[in-house]
Protein backbone atom coordinates (compact mmCIF):
# COMPACT_ATOMS: atom_id res chain seq x y z
CA MET A 1 52.42 44.08 2.78
CA THR A 2 50.68 45.93 0.12
CA GLN A 3 47.29 45.17 -1.15
CA ALA A 4 46.88 44.67 -4.80
CA THR A 5 44.08 46.63 -6.26
CA LEU A 6 42.18 45.43 -9.22
CA PRO A 7 41.32 47.78 -11.99
CA PRO A 8 37.62 48.56 -12.36
CA PRO A 9 35.78 46.16 -14.65
CA SER A 10 35.60 47.21 -18.23
CA PRO A 11 32.15 48.17 -19.48
CA LEU A 12 32.74 45.79 -22.38
CA LEU A 13 32.86 42.76 -20.05
CA ARG A 14 29.61 43.48 -18.25
CA PRO A 15 26.57 41.49 -19.45
CA VAL A 16 24.05 43.62 -21.20
CA ARG A 17 20.53 43.27 -19.84
CA SER A 18 17.59 44.80 -21.50
CA ALA A 19 14.12 45.14 -20.07
CA ALA A 20 12.87 42.41 -22.43
CA SER A 21 15.30 39.77 -21.13
CA ALA A 22 14.73 40.48 -17.44
CA GLY A 23 12.27 37.58 -16.98
CA TYR A 24 10.19 34.94 -18.71
CA THR A 25 7.43 35.80 -21.09
CA LEU A 26 3.89 34.65 -20.59
CA VAL A 27 4.16 32.39 -23.65
CA GLU A 28 7.23 30.64 -22.22
CA LEU A 29 5.44 30.05 -18.91
CA LEU A 30 2.37 28.67 -20.68
CA VAL A 31 4.51 26.30 -22.76
CA VAL A 32 6.24 24.96 -19.62
CA LEU A 33 2.92 24.55 -17.78
CA THR A 34 1.44 22.72 -20.78
CA ILE A 35 4.38 20.31 -20.90
CA ILE A 36 4.13 19.64 -17.15
CA SER A 37 0.35 19.08 -17.46
CA LEU A 38 0.87 16.56 -20.26
CA LEU A 39 3.47 14.67 -18.25
CA VAL A 40 1.23 14.52 -15.18
CA GLY A 41 -1.69 13.41 -17.35
CA LEU A 42 0.31 10.58 -18.84
CA VAL A 43 2.26 9.45 -15.78
CA GLY A 44 -0.41 10.00 -13.09
CA PRO A 45 -2.81 7.18 -14.08
CA ARG A 46 0.10 4.76 -14.41
CA VAL A 47 1.33 5.56 -10.90
CA LEU A 48 -2.18 5.16 -9.49
CA GLY A 49 -2.48 1.82 -11.31
CA TYR A 50 0.72 0.60 -9.68
CA LEU A 51 -0.58 1.72 -6.29
CA GLY A 52 -3.79 -0.29 -6.79
CA GLU A 53 -1.82 -3.36 -7.90
CA SER A 54 0.52 -3.12 -4.93
CA ARG A 55 -2.41 -3.01 -2.51
CA VAL A 56 -3.86 -6.16 -4.06
CA LYS A 57 -0.48 -7.89 -3.76
CA THR A 58 -0.17 -6.74 -0.13
CA ALA A 59 -3.62 -8.15 0.64
CA ARG A 60 -2.64 -11.50 -0.93
CA LEU A 61 0.56 -11.62 1.14
CA GLN A 62 -1.34 -10.83 4.34
CA ILE A 63 -3.90 -13.52 3.53
CA ASP A 64 -1.05 -16.01 3.05
CA GLY A 65 0.33 -14.96 6.44
CA PHE A 66 -3.07 -15.53 8.05
CA ALA A 67 -3.29 -18.96 6.41
CA SER A 68 0.11 -19.97 7.79
CA ALA A 69 -0.85 -18.73 11.25
CA LEU A 70 -4.15 -20.65 11.11
CA ASP A 71 -2.33 -23.83 10.12
CA LEU A 72 0.10 -23.42 13.04
CA PHE A 73 -2.85 -22.85 15.37
CA PHE A 74 -4.40 -26.08 14.03
CA LEU A 75 -1.18 -28.04 14.60
CA ASP A 76 -1.01 -26.88 18.23
CA THR A 77 -4.68 -27.11 19.18
CA GLY A 78 -6.13 -29.74 16.83
CA ARG A 79 -8.75 -27.34 15.48
CA TYR A 80 -9.10 -24.07 13.64
CA PRO A 81 -10.43 -21.03 15.50
CA ALA A 82 -14.21 -20.85 15.65
CA PRO A 83 -15.79 -18.00 13.68
CA SER A 84 -16.75 -16.38 16.99
CA GLU A 85 -13.06 -16.41 18.05
CA GLY A 86 -11.88 -15.17 14.66
CA PHE A 87 -8.32 -13.97 14.12
CA GLU A 88 -8.09 -12.84 17.75
CA ALA A 89 -7.43 -16.51 18.62
CA LEU A 90 -4.13 -16.09 16.79
CA THR A 91 -3.02 -13.25 19.07
CA GLN A 92 -4.67 -14.15 22.42
CA ARG A 93 -5.25 -17.58 23.91
CA PRO A 94 -8.90 -18.68 23.77
CA ALA A 95 -10.28 -19.83 27.15
CA ASP A 96 -10.94 -23.45 26.12
CA VAL A 97 -7.53 -24.14 24.51
CA PRO A 98 -5.04 -26.02 26.77
CA VAL A 99 -2.08 -25.90 24.36
CA TRP A 100 -1.42 -22.57 22.68
CA ASN A 101 2.03 -21.50 21.48
CA GLY A 102 1.04 -18.10 20.17
CA PRO A 103 0.86 -15.39 19.27
CA TYR A 104 0.88 -16.78 15.77
CA LEU A 105 1.03 -13.39 14.04
CA LYS A 106 4.43 -11.65 14.08
CA THR A 107 3.07 -8.28 15.12
CA GLY A 108 0.92 -9.73 17.88
CA ARG A 109 -2.13 -7.96 16.49
CA VAL A 110 -4.58 -8.50 13.64
CA PRO A 111 -3.84 -6.06 10.80
CA LEU A 112 -6.45 -4.40 8.61
CA ASP A 113 -6.37 -4.92 4.86
CA PRO A 114 -4.51 -2.34 2.72
CA TRP A 115 -7.72 -0.29 2.35
CA GLY A 116 -8.30 -0.12 6.11
CA HIS A 117 -11.08 -2.74 6.32
CA PRO A 118 -11.02 -5.80 8.59
CA TYR A 119 -10.43 -9.22 7.02
CA ILE A 120 -13.30 -11.70 7.08
CA TYR A 121 -12.78 -15.23 8.44
CA ARG A 122 -15.20 -18.05 7.55
CA ILE A 123 -15.15 -21.81 8.10
CA GLU A 124 -16.71 -24.50 5.90
CA GLU A 125 -15.69 -28.01 6.92
CA GLU A 126 -16.44 -29.50 3.46
CA ARG A 127 -13.58 -27.83 1.62
CA ALA A 128 -9.83 -27.83 1.90
CA PRO A 129 -8.62 -25.69 3.52
CA PRO A 130 -11.73 -25.43 5.68
CA TYR A 131 -11.26 -21.71 6.24
CA GLU A 132 -11.68 -18.74 3.93
CA ILE A 133 -9.94 -15.41 4.46
CA ILE A 134 -11.42 -12.48 2.54
CA SER A 135 -10.44 -8.88 1.90
CA LEU A 136 -13.36 -6.91 0.52
CA GLY A 137 -11.14 -4.74 -1.69
CA SER A 138 -11.18 -0.99 -2.08
CA ASP A 139 -14.95 -0.55 -1.76
CA GLY A 140 -15.31 -2.54 1.48
CA ARG A 141 -18.33 -4.48 0.14
CA GLU A 142 -18.67 -8.02 -1.14
CA GLY A 143 -18.42 -8.40 -4.90
CA GLY A 144 -17.00 -5.83 -7.26
CA THR A 145 -14.39 -5.81 -9.99
CA GLY A 146 -10.84 -4.48 -10.36
CA THR A 147 -9.38 -3.22 -7.08
CA ALA A 148 -12.92 -3.31 -5.64
CA ALA A 149 -13.06 -7.09 -6.15
CA ASP A 150 -12.87 -9.45 -3.19
CA ILE A 151 -9.51 -11.12 -2.58
CA SER A 152 -9.61 -14.58 -1.02
CA ASN A 153 -7.44 -17.62 -0.35
CA VAL A 154 -10.15 -19.80 -1.95
CA GLU A 155 -10.73 -19.81 -5.70
CA ARG A 156 -14.36 -19.15 -6.55
């Protein structure tokens, strides 16, 4: 077997590179960085807005889950958990409850709100439902507006 040898490449077929075309110019880099900055400036706030909205929706869904668990607790025990028992009564049997078919929360633990704060549980017998579940929002304090506003199962 003989090996075929290729002729050397013709100098006419080689790409011509000059020193000026060896890289990008400073102007080209600045134009690209400016375009990227504009895109981030326009898209960034929108993405952060969606993140804030999704946290509010997550808090509402968790509050609905707590409400369902509280109603199941009421059906089994004939009462809602006392404020001193709180949401822990949904995961661990209180001492004075003879019939308890829990845990009433799927995870078996009480989750924090999407901002990492504990939910607040209150009872007022005069309203329906007699309990209020509150997330304090992004600031962790009562009151506020926007994503810092309180989220509750009771309309105020």
